[in-house]
Amino acid sequence: MWLYKRSKIEDRSSKGFTLVELLVVLVMIGIFSSMVFVSVVGGLLRSEENVFIQSFTQTLVRARSASLGRGDAVRFFIDGDNRTFCVEGLKWQHIPKSIKVEGEGVGEVGPGIHAVTFYPDGSSSGGEIDLKWEGGRIDRIVIDNFLGLIRVERILS
């Protein structure tokens, strides 16, 4: 037997959550969701950048392999005006708007069109191609004159 009677307010509070507690939890879920979204989007953008670099360098490697296989010089073109690149005789591929392409030691074969030539002995005309991303990141693609080897360097800015 109880000496005092329990109030109905105590009974209600022990059965569930208050509105304030629910709002706090919802706000926390919103904050954590936005942090996850920013992280995922950043990862996707880096992934797209890496896919483009792979595509660009593989096209250069394809040009080098074609020159060795055919026994003829093969050119890799970059059309700055149309923002495209390709191996001579193949389909043009687009360069994303978020990338600024600059080159040093790459020959100009026409107005706005630059080329790296790969020769059947494995050598090339050589040069350096800088891919400058919107975030300030720079990837430099170096094409060796003597061996025609292609390597990618990340330049910290």
N, C-alpha and C. Protein backbone atom coordinates (compact mmCIF):
# COMPACT_ATOMS: atom_id res chain seq x y z
N MET A 1 0.84 -1.17 0.00
CA MET A 1 0.00 0.00 0.00
C MET A 1 0.88 1.23 0.00
N TRP A 2 0.50 2.22 -0.83
CA TRP A 2 1.30 3.44 -0.98
C TRP A 2 0.85 4.48 0.02
N LEU A 3 1.82 5.22 0.52
CA LEU A 3 1.49 6.30 1.44
C LEU A 3 1.12 7.56 0.68
N TYR A 4 1.63 7.70 -0.51
CA TYR A 4 1.28 8.86 -1.35
C TYR A 4 0.94 8.36 -2.73
N LYS A 5 0.22 9.18 -3.46
CA LYS A 5 -0.25 8.79 -4.78
C LYS A 5 0.72 9.33 -5.84
N ARG A 6 1.10 8.52 -6.79
CA ARG A 6 1.98 8.95 -7.88
C ARG A 6 1.20 9.86 -8.81
N SER A 7 1.89 10.89 -9.29
CA SER A 7 1.19 11.82 -10.19
C SER A 7 1.15 11.24 -11.59
N LYS A 8 0.17 11.68 -12.38
CA LYS A 8 0.00 11.20 -13.75
C LYS A 8 1.12 11.72 -14.65
N ILE A 9 1.73 12.84 -14.32
CA ILE A 9 2.82 13.39 -15.13
C ILE A 9 4.00 12.43 -15.11
N GLU A 10 4.33 11.88 -13.96
CA GLU A 10 5.44 10.94 -13.88
C GLU A 10 5.15 9.70 -14.71
N ASP A 11 3.92 9.25 -14.72
CA ASP A 11 3.56 8.07 -15.48
C ASP A 11 3.74 8.31 -16.98
N ARG A 12 3.34 9.49 -17.47
CA ARG A 12 3.45 9.78 -18.90
C ARG A 12 4.92 9.89 -19.33
N SER A 13 5.75 10.55 -18.54
CA SER A 13 7.14 10.76 -18.95
C SER A 13 7.92 9.45 -19.00
N SER A 14 7.55 8.51 -18.24
CA SER A 14 8.28 7.25 -18.25
C SER A 14 7.86 6.35 -19.41
N LYS A 15 6.81 6.74 -20.15
CA LYS A 15 6.32 5.91 -21.24
C LYS A 15 6.87 6.30 -22.61
N GLY A 16 7.60 7.41 -22.76
CA GLY A 16 8.07 7.80 -24.08
C GLY A 16 9.04 8.97 -24.02
N PHE A 17 9.27 9.56 -25.20
CA PHE A 17 10.21 10.67 -25.32
C PHE A 17 9.45 11.99 -25.39
N THR A 18 10.11 13.05 -24.95
CA THR A 18 9.49 14.37 -25.06
C THR A 18 9.72 14.91 -26.46
N LEU A 19 8.98 15.93 -26.80
CA LEU A 19 9.11 16.56 -28.11
C LEU A 19 10.52 17.14 -28.28
N VAL A 20 11.07 17.71 -27.24
CA VAL A 20 12.42 18.30 -27.31
C VAL A 20 13.45 17.21 -27.60
N GLU A 21 13.34 16.08 -26.95
CA GLU A 21 14.28 14.98 -27.21
C GLU A 21 14.19 14.50 -28.66
N LEU A 22 12.99 14.38 -29.18
CA LEU A 22 12.81 13.96 -30.57
C LEU A 22 13.41 14.98 -31.54
N LEU A 23 13.21 16.27 -31.27
CA LEU A 23 13.76 17.31 -32.14
C LEU A 23 15.29 17.30 -32.12
N VAL A 24 15.87 17.10 -30.95
CA VAL A 24 17.33 17.04 -30.84
C VAL A 24 17.87 15.87 -31.67
N VAL A 25 17.24 14.72 -31.58
CA VAL A 25 17.67 13.55 -32.35
C VAL A 25 17.53 13.82 -33.85
N LEU A 26 16.44 14.43 -34.27
CA LEU A 26 16.25 14.73 -35.70
C LEU A 26 17.31 15.71 -36.21
N VAL A 27 17.64 16.71 -35.41
CA VAL A 27 18.68 17.67 -35.81
C VAL A 27 20.03 16.96 -35.93
N MET A 28 20.34 16.08 -34.99
CA MET A 28 21.60 15.34 -35.05
C MET A 28 21.65 14.44 -36.29
N ILE A 29 20.55 13.79 -36.61
CA ILE A 29 20.51 12.95 -37.82
C ILE A 29 20.74 13.80 -39.06
N GLY A 30 20.14 15.00 -39.10
CA GLY A 30 20.34 15.90 -40.24
C GLY A 30 21.79 16.33 -40.39
N ILE A 31 22.44 16.65 -39.28
CA ILE A 31 23.84 17.08 -39.32
C ILE A 31 24.73 15.94 -39.82
N PHE A 32 24.54 14.75 -39.26
CA PHE A 32 25.37 13.61 -39.68
C PHE A 32 25.11 13.23 -41.13
N SER A 33 23.87 13.33 -41.57
CA SER A 33 23.55 13.02 -42.97
C SER A 33 24.25 13.97 -43.92
N SER A 34 24.27 15.26 -43.57
CA SER A 34 24.93 16.24 -44.45
C SER A 34 26.43 16.00 -44.50
N MET A 35 27.03 15.59 -43.39
CA MET A 35 28.47 15.31 -43.40
C MET A 35 28.77 14.10 -44.28
N VAL A 36 27.95 13.09 -44.23
CA VAL A 36 28.14 11.91 -45.07
C VAL A 36 27.98 12.28 -46.53
N PHE A 37 26.98 13.12 -46.86
CA PHE A 37 26.74 13.54 -48.24
C PHE A 37 27.95 14.28 -48.80
N VAL A 38 28.50 15.22 -48.03
CA VAL A 38 29.67 15.98 -48.48
C VAL A 38 30.84 15.04 -48.71
N SER A 39 31.03 14.09 -47.84
CA SER A 39 32.12 13.13 -47.98
C SER A 39 31.95 12.27 -49.23
N VAL A 40 30.75 11.79 -49.47
CA VAL A 40 30.48 10.94 -50.63
C VAL A 40 30.66 11.71 -51.92
N VAL A 41 30.13 12.95 -51.98
CA VAL A 41 30.25 13.76 -53.20
C VAL A 41 31.71 14.07 -53.49
N GLY A 42 32.50 14.39 -52.45
CA GLY A 42 33.92 14.65 -52.65
C GLY A 42 34.63 13.43 -53.21
N GLY A 43 34.28 12.26 -52.72
CA GLY A 43 34.87 11.02 -53.22
C GLY A 43 34.50 10.76 -54.67
N LEU A 44 33.26 11.06 -55.03
CA LEU A 44 32.82 10.87 -56.42
C LEU A 44 33.57 11.80 -57.36
N LEU A 45 33.78 13.06 -56.93
CA LEU A 45 34.50 14.01 -57.79
C LEU A 45 35.93 13.54 -58.00
N ARG A 46 36.59 13.08 -56.94
CA ARG A 46 37.96 12.57 -57.09
C ARG A 46 37.96 11.35 -58.00
N SER A 47 36.95 10.54 -57.89
CA SER A 47 36.85 9.35 -58.73
C SER A 47 36.73 9.75 -60.21
N GLU A 48 35.91 10.76 -60.50
CA GLU A 48 35.77 11.24 -61.89
C GLU A 48 37.09 11.79 -62.41
N GLU A 49 37.83 12.50 -61.54
CA GLU A 49 39.13 13.03 -61.94
C GLU A 49 40.08 11.88 -62.29
N ASN A 50 40.10 10.86 -61.45
CA ASN A 50 40.99 9.72 -61.70
C ASN A 50 40.60 8.97 -62.96
N VAL A 51 39.31 8.86 -63.23
CA VAL A 51 38.85 8.20 -64.46
C VAL A 51 39.33 8.98 -65.68
N PHE A 52 39.24 10.32 -65.62
CA PHE A 52 39.69 11.12 -66.76
C PHE A 52 41.20 10.98 -66.97
N ILE A 53 41.97 11.04 -65.88
CA ILE A 53 43.43 10.90 -66.01
C ILE A 53 43.77 9.55 -66.63
N GLN A 54 43.10 8.49 -66.17
CA GLN A 54 43.34 7.15 -66.73
C GLN A 54 43.02 7.12 -68.21
N SER A 55 41.89 7.70 -68.59
CA SER A 55 41.48 7.72 -70.00
C SER A 55 42.49 8.49 -70.85
N PHE A 56 42.93 9.64 -70.35
CA PHE A 56 43.87 10.49 -71.08
C PHE A 56 45.21 9.77 -71.27
N THR A 57 45.75 9.20 -70.19
CA THR A 57 47.04 8.53 -70.30
C THR A 57 46.94 7.24 -71.11
N GLN A 58 45.82 6.53 -71.00
CA GLN A 58 45.65 5.31 -71.80
C GLN A 58 45.58 5.63 -73.29
N THR A 59 45.02 6.79 -73.62
CA THR A 59 44.99 7.20 -75.03
C THR A 59 46.40 7.49 -75.52
N LEU A 60 47.23 8.11 -74.67
CA LEU A 60 48.64 8.32 -75.03
C LEU A 60 49.36 6.98 -75.22
N VAL A 61 49.13 6.05 -74.31
CA VAL A 61 49.76 4.73 -74.40
C VAL A 61 49.29 4.01 -75.67
N ARG A 62 48.01 4.16 -76.00
CA ARG A 62 47.47 3.55 -77.22
C ARG A 62 48.18 4.10 -78.46
N ALA A 63 48.44 5.41 -78.47
CA ALA A 63 49.15 6.01 -79.61
C ALA A 63 50.56 5.45 -79.72
N ARG A 64 51.25 5.32 -78.59
CA ARG A 64 52.61 4.77 -78.59
C ARG A 64 52.61 3.32 -79.08
N SER A 65 51.67 2.54 -78.57
CA SER A 65 51.58 1.13 -78.98
C SER A 65 51.26 0.99 -80.46
N ALA A 66 50.39 1.87 -80.96
CA ALA A 66 50.03 1.82 -82.38
C ALA A 66 51.23 2.12 -83.25
N SER A 67 52.07 3.08 -82.84
CA SER A 67 53.25 3.40 -83.66
C SER A 67 54.23 2.24 -83.68
N LEU A 68 54.40 1.58 -82.55
CA LEU A 68 55.30 0.42 -82.49
C LEU A 68 54.75 -0.74 -83.32
N GLY A 69 53.44 -0.95 -83.23
CA GLY A 69 52.82 -2.07 -83.94
C GLY A 69 52.75 -1.88 -85.44
N ARG A 70 52.44 -0.67 -85.88
CA ARG A 70 52.28 -0.40 -87.32
C ARG A 70 53.60 -0.16 -88.03
N GLY A 71 54.57 0.34 -87.27
CA GLY A 71 55.83 0.71 -87.90
C GLY A 71 55.77 2.09 -88.54
N ASP A 72 54.77 2.90 -88.16
CA ASP A 72 54.61 4.27 -88.66
C ASP A 72 54.49 5.23 -87.48
N ALA A 73 54.74 6.51 -87.76
CA ALA A 73 54.53 7.53 -86.74
C ALA A 73 53.02 7.70 -86.50
N VAL A 74 52.65 7.84 -85.24
CA VAL A 74 51.24 8.05 -84.86
C VAL A 74 51.19 9.27 -83.96
N ARG A 75 50.19 10.13 -84.21
CA ARG A 75 50.08 11.36 -83.42
C ARG A 75 48.90 11.31 -82.45
N PHE A 76 49.13 11.92 -81.29
CA PHE A 76 48.10 12.13 -80.28
C PHE A 76 47.75 13.61 -80.34
N PHE A 77 46.49 13.93 -80.61
CA PHE A 77 46.06 15.32 -80.79
C PHE A 77 45.31 15.84 -79.58
N ILE A 78 45.50 17.14 -79.31
CA ILE A 78 44.69 17.87 -78.34
C ILE A 78 44.15 19.10 -79.07
N ASP A 79 42.84 19.21 -79.14
CA ASP A 79 42.19 20.37 -79.76
C ASP A 79 41.72 21.28 -78.63
N GLY A 80 42.47 22.36 -78.41
CA GLY A 80 42.16 23.27 -77.32
C GLY A 80 40.86 24.03 -77.50
N ASP A 81 40.52 24.38 -78.74
CA ASP A 81 39.30 25.14 -78.99
C ASP A 81 38.05 24.31 -78.71
N ASN A 82 38.06 23.06 -79.12
CA ASN A 82 36.90 22.19 -78.92
C ASN A 82 36.98 21.35 -77.65
N ARG A 83 38.10 21.47 -76.90
CA ARG A 83 38.31 20.74 -75.65
C ARG A 83 38.16 19.22 -75.87
N THR A 84 38.92 18.71 -76.84
CA THR A 84 38.89 17.28 -77.14
C THR A 84 40.31 16.75 -77.35
N PHE A 85 40.45 15.43 -77.33
CA PHE A 85 41.74 14.78 -77.60
C PHE A 85 41.48 13.44 -78.27
N CYS A 86 42.47 12.94 -79.01
CA CYS A 86 42.31 11.63 -79.66
C CYS A 86 43.65 11.14 -80.20
N VAL A 87 43.66 9.87 -80.57
CA VAL A 87 44.75 9.28 -81.34
C VAL A 87 44.38 9.48 -82.80
N GLU A 88 45.36 9.79 -83.61
CA GLU A 88 45.15 10.02 -85.04
C GLU A 88 44.28 8.92 -85.65
N GLY A 89 43.18 9.34 -86.27
CA GLY A 89 42.29 8.40 -86.95
C GLY A 89 41.22 7.78 -86.07
N LEU A 90 41.23 8.05 -84.77
CA LEU A 90 40.23 7.48 -83.87
C LEU A 90 39.26 8.56 -83.38
N LYS A 91 38.29 8.15 -82.58
CA LYS A 91 37.23 9.04 -82.10
C LYS A 91 37.77 10.07 -81.10
N TRP A 92 37.28 11.31 -81.24
CA TRP A 92 37.65 12.39 -80.33
C TRP A 92 36.93 12.18 -78.99
N GLN A 93 37.65 12.47 -77.90
CA GLN A 93 37.09 12.37 -76.55
C GLN A 93 37.09 13.76 -75.92
N HIS A 94 36.08 14.03 -75.09
CA HIS A 94 35.92 15.37 -74.51
C HIS A 94 36.77 15.55 -73.24
N ILE A 95 37.21 16.78 -73.06
CA ILE A 95 37.91 17.19 -71.85
C ILE A 95 36.90 17.94 -70.99
N PRO A 96 36.73 17.56 -69.71
CA PRO A 96 35.76 18.24 -68.85
C PRO A 96 36.06 19.73 -68.70
N LYS A 97 35.00 20.51 -68.51
CA LYS A 97 35.14 21.97 -68.36
C LYS A 97 35.94 22.35 -67.12
N SER A 98 35.97 21.47 -66.12
CA SER A 98 36.65 21.77 -64.86
C SER A 98 38.17 21.64 -64.97
N ILE A 99 38.67 21.29 -66.15
CA ILE A 99 40.11 21.08 -66.33
C ILE A 99 40.66 22.09 -67.32
N LYS A 100 41.78 22.69 -66.94
CA LYS A 100 42.50 23.56 -67.86
C LYS A 100 43.74 22.78 -68.31
N VAL A 101 43.91 22.65 -69.62
CA VAL A 101 45.03 21.87 -70.17
C VAL A 101 46.09 22.83 -70.70
N GLU A 102 47.32 22.65 -70.22
CA GLU A 102 48.45 23.45 -70.70
C GLU A 102 49.58 22.50 -71.06
N GLY A 103 50.36 22.87 -72.05
CA GLY A 103 51.45 22.01 -72.47
C GLY A 103 52.75 22.76 -72.65
N GLU A 104 53.85 22.03 -72.49
CA GLU A 104 55.17 22.59 -72.74
C GLU A 104 55.94 21.57 -73.56
N GLY A 105 56.50 22.02 -74.66
CA GLY A 105 57.25 21.12 -75.52
C GLY A 105 56.37 20.28 -76.43
N VAL A 106 55.08 20.61 -76.48
CA VAL A 106 54.14 19.89 -77.34
C VAL A 106 53.95 20.73 -78.60
N GLY A 107 54.15 20.13 -79.76
CA GLY A 107 54.09 20.86 -81.02
C GLY A 107 52.69 21.27 -81.43
N GLU A 108 52.59 22.44 -82.08
CA GLU A 108 51.31 22.91 -82.60
C GLU A 108 51.26 22.58 -84.09
N VAL A 109 50.24 21.82 -84.50
CA VAL A 109 50.12 21.39 -85.90
C VAL A 109 49.08 22.19 -86.66
N GLY A 110 48.34 23.00 -85.98
CA GLY A 110 47.31 23.84 -86.58
C GLY A 110 46.82 24.82 -85.54
N PRO A 111 45.95 25.75 -85.94
CA PRO A 111 45.45 26.72 -84.96
C PRO A 111 44.68 26.03 -83.83
N GLY A 112 45.23 26.09 -82.62
CA GLY A 112 44.57 25.50 -81.45
C GLY A 112 44.71 23.99 -81.34
N ILE A 113 45.41 23.36 -82.29
CA ILE A 113 45.56 21.90 -82.26
C ILE A 113 47.03 21.56 -82.02
N HIS A 114 47.26 20.80 -80.95
CA HIS A 114 48.61 20.40 -80.57
C HIS A 114 48.74 18.89 -80.71
N ALA A 115 49.98 18.43 -80.90
CA ALA A 115 50.17 16.99 -81.10
C ALA A 115 51.48 16.52 -80.48
N VAL A 116 51.44 15.28 -80.00
CA VAL A 116 52.64 14.55 -79.59
C VAL A 116 52.76 13.41 -80.59
N THR A 117 53.93 13.29 -81.21
CA THR A 117 54.14 12.24 -82.22
C THR A 117 54.95 11.11 -81.61
N PHE A 118 54.46 9.88 -81.80
CA PHE A 118 55.17 8.68 -81.36
C PHE A 118 55.72 8.00 -82.60
N TYR A 119 57.01 7.64 -82.55
CA TYR A 119 57.70 7.06 -83.69
C TYR A 119 57.84 5.54 -83.53
N PRO A 120 58.02 4.82 -84.66
CA PRO A 120 58.08 3.35 -84.61
C PRO A 120 59.27 2.79 -83.84
N ASP A 121 60.31 3.60 -83.63
CA ASP A 121 61.46 3.11 -82.86
C ASP A 121 61.25 3.25 -81.35
N GLY A 122 60.06 3.74 -80.94
CA GLY A 122 59.74 3.89 -79.52
C GLY A 122 59.93 5.29 -78.98
N SER A 123 60.61 6.14 -79.73
CA SER A 123 60.81 7.52 -79.27
C SER A 123 59.56 8.35 -79.55
N SER A 124 59.60 9.61 -79.10
CA SER A 124 58.46 10.51 -79.34
C SER A 124 58.96 11.94 -79.45
N SER A 125 58.06 12.83 -79.83
CA SER A 125 58.40 14.25 -79.86
C SER A 125 58.47 14.81 -78.44
N GLY A 126 57.91 14.09 -77.47
CA GLY A 126 58.00 14.45 -76.06
C GLY A 126 57.19 15.67 -75.68
N GLY A 127 57.30 16.02 -74.42
CA GLY A 127 56.62 17.19 -73.90
C GLY A 127 55.99 16.92 -72.55
N GLU A 128 55.40 17.98 -72.00
CA GLU A 128 54.70 17.88 -70.72
C GLU A 128 53.31 18.48 -70.89
N ILE A 129 52.32 17.80 -70.35
CA ILE A 129 50.94 18.28 -70.41
C ILE A 129 50.45 18.42 -68.97
N ASP A 130 50.05 19.64 -68.60
CA ASP A 130 49.53 19.89 -67.26
C ASP A 130 48.01 19.90 -67.29
N LEU A 131 47.41 19.13 -66.41
CA LEU A 131 45.96 19.13 -66.22
C LEU A 131 45.69 19.88 -64.92
N LYS A 132 45.14 21.08 -65.04
CA LYS A 132 44.90 21.93 -63.87
C LYS A 132 43.42 21.85 -63.50
N TRP A 133 43.15 21.32 -62.31
CA TRP A 133 41.79 21.12 -61.83
C TRP A 133 41.29 22.37 -61.12
N GLU A 134 39.97 22.51 -61.00
CA GLU A 134 39.37 23.68 -60.37
C GLU A 134 39.81 23.85 -58.92
N GLY A 135 40.03 22.77 -58.21
CA GLY A 135 40.42 22.85 -56.80
C GLY A 135 41.87 23.24 -56.59
N GLY A 136 42.63 23.48 -57.67
CA GLY A 136 44.03 23.85 -57.55
C GLY A 136 44.99 22.70 -57.76
N ARG A 137 44.48 21.50 -57.85
CA ARG A 137 45.33 20.32 -58.07
C ARG A 137 45.87 20.33 -59.50
N ILE A 138 47.12 19.92 -59.65
CA ILE A 138 47.74 19.85 -60.98
C ILE A 138 48.33 18.45 -61.16
N ASP A 139 47.96 17.82 -62.25
CA ASP A 139 48.55 16.54 -62.64
C ASP A 139 49.35 16.79 -63.91
N ARG A 140 50.64 16.45 -63.86
CA ARG A 140 51.52 16.66 -65.02
C ARG A 140 51.79 15.31 -65.68
N ILE A 141 51.53 15.26 -66.98
CA ILE A 141 51.82 14.06 -67.76
C ILE A 141 53.09 14.34 -68.54
N VAL A 142 54.11 13.55 -68.27
CA VAL A 142 55.43 13.74 -68.89
C VAL A 142 55.63 12.63 -69.92
N ILE A 143 55.93 13.06 -71.16
CA ILE A 143 56.19 12.11 -72.25
C ILE A 143 57.68 12.21 -72.59
N ASP A 144 58.40 11.11 -72.37
CA ASP A 144 59.84 11.07 -72.58
C ASP A 144 60.17 11.09 -74.08
N ASN A 145 61.18 11.90 -74.46
CA ASN A 145 61.58 12.01 -75.87
C ASN A 145 62.21 10.73 -76.40
N PHE A 146 63.11 10.14 -75.64
CA PHE A 146 63.91 9.03 -76.15
C PHE A 146 63.18 7.69 -76.12
N LEU A 147 62.48 7.42 -75.04
CA LEU A 147 61.82 6.12 -74.90
C LEU A 147 60.31 6.18 -75.13
N GLY A 148 59.76 7.39 -75.19
CA GLY A 148 58.33 7.54 -75.39
C GLY A 148 57.49 7.12 -74.20
N LEU A 149 58.14 6.93 -73.05
CA LEU A 149 57.42 6.51 -71.85
C LEU A 149 56.55 7.65 -71.32
N ILE A 150 55.43 7.27 -70.71
CA ILE A 150 54.46 8.25 -70.22
C ILE A 150 54.32 8.05 -68.72
N ARG A 151 54.46 9.14 -67.96
CA ARG A 151 54.26 9.04 -66.52
C ARG A 151 53.45 10.24 -66.03
N VAL A 152 52.73 10.03 -64.94
CA VAL A 152 51.88 11.07 -64.35
C VAL A 152 52.49 11.48 -63.03
N GLU A 153 52.63 12.81 -62.84
CA GLU A 153 53.15 13.35 -61.59
C GLU A 153 52.09 14.26 -60.99
N ARG A 154 51.89 14.15 -59.69
CA ARG A 154 50.98 15.06 -58.99
C ARG A 154 51.79 16.22 -58.46
N ILE A 155 51.42 17.43 -58.85
CA ILE A 155 52.13 18.63 -58.42
C ILE A 155 51.31 19.25 -57.29
N LEU A 156 51.93 19.44 -56.14
CA LEU A 156 51.22 20.06 -55.02
C LEU A 156 51.23 21.56 -55.20
N SER A 157 50.05 22.16 -55.06
CA SER A 157 49.99 23.62 -55.21
C SER A 157 49.51 24.27 -53.95
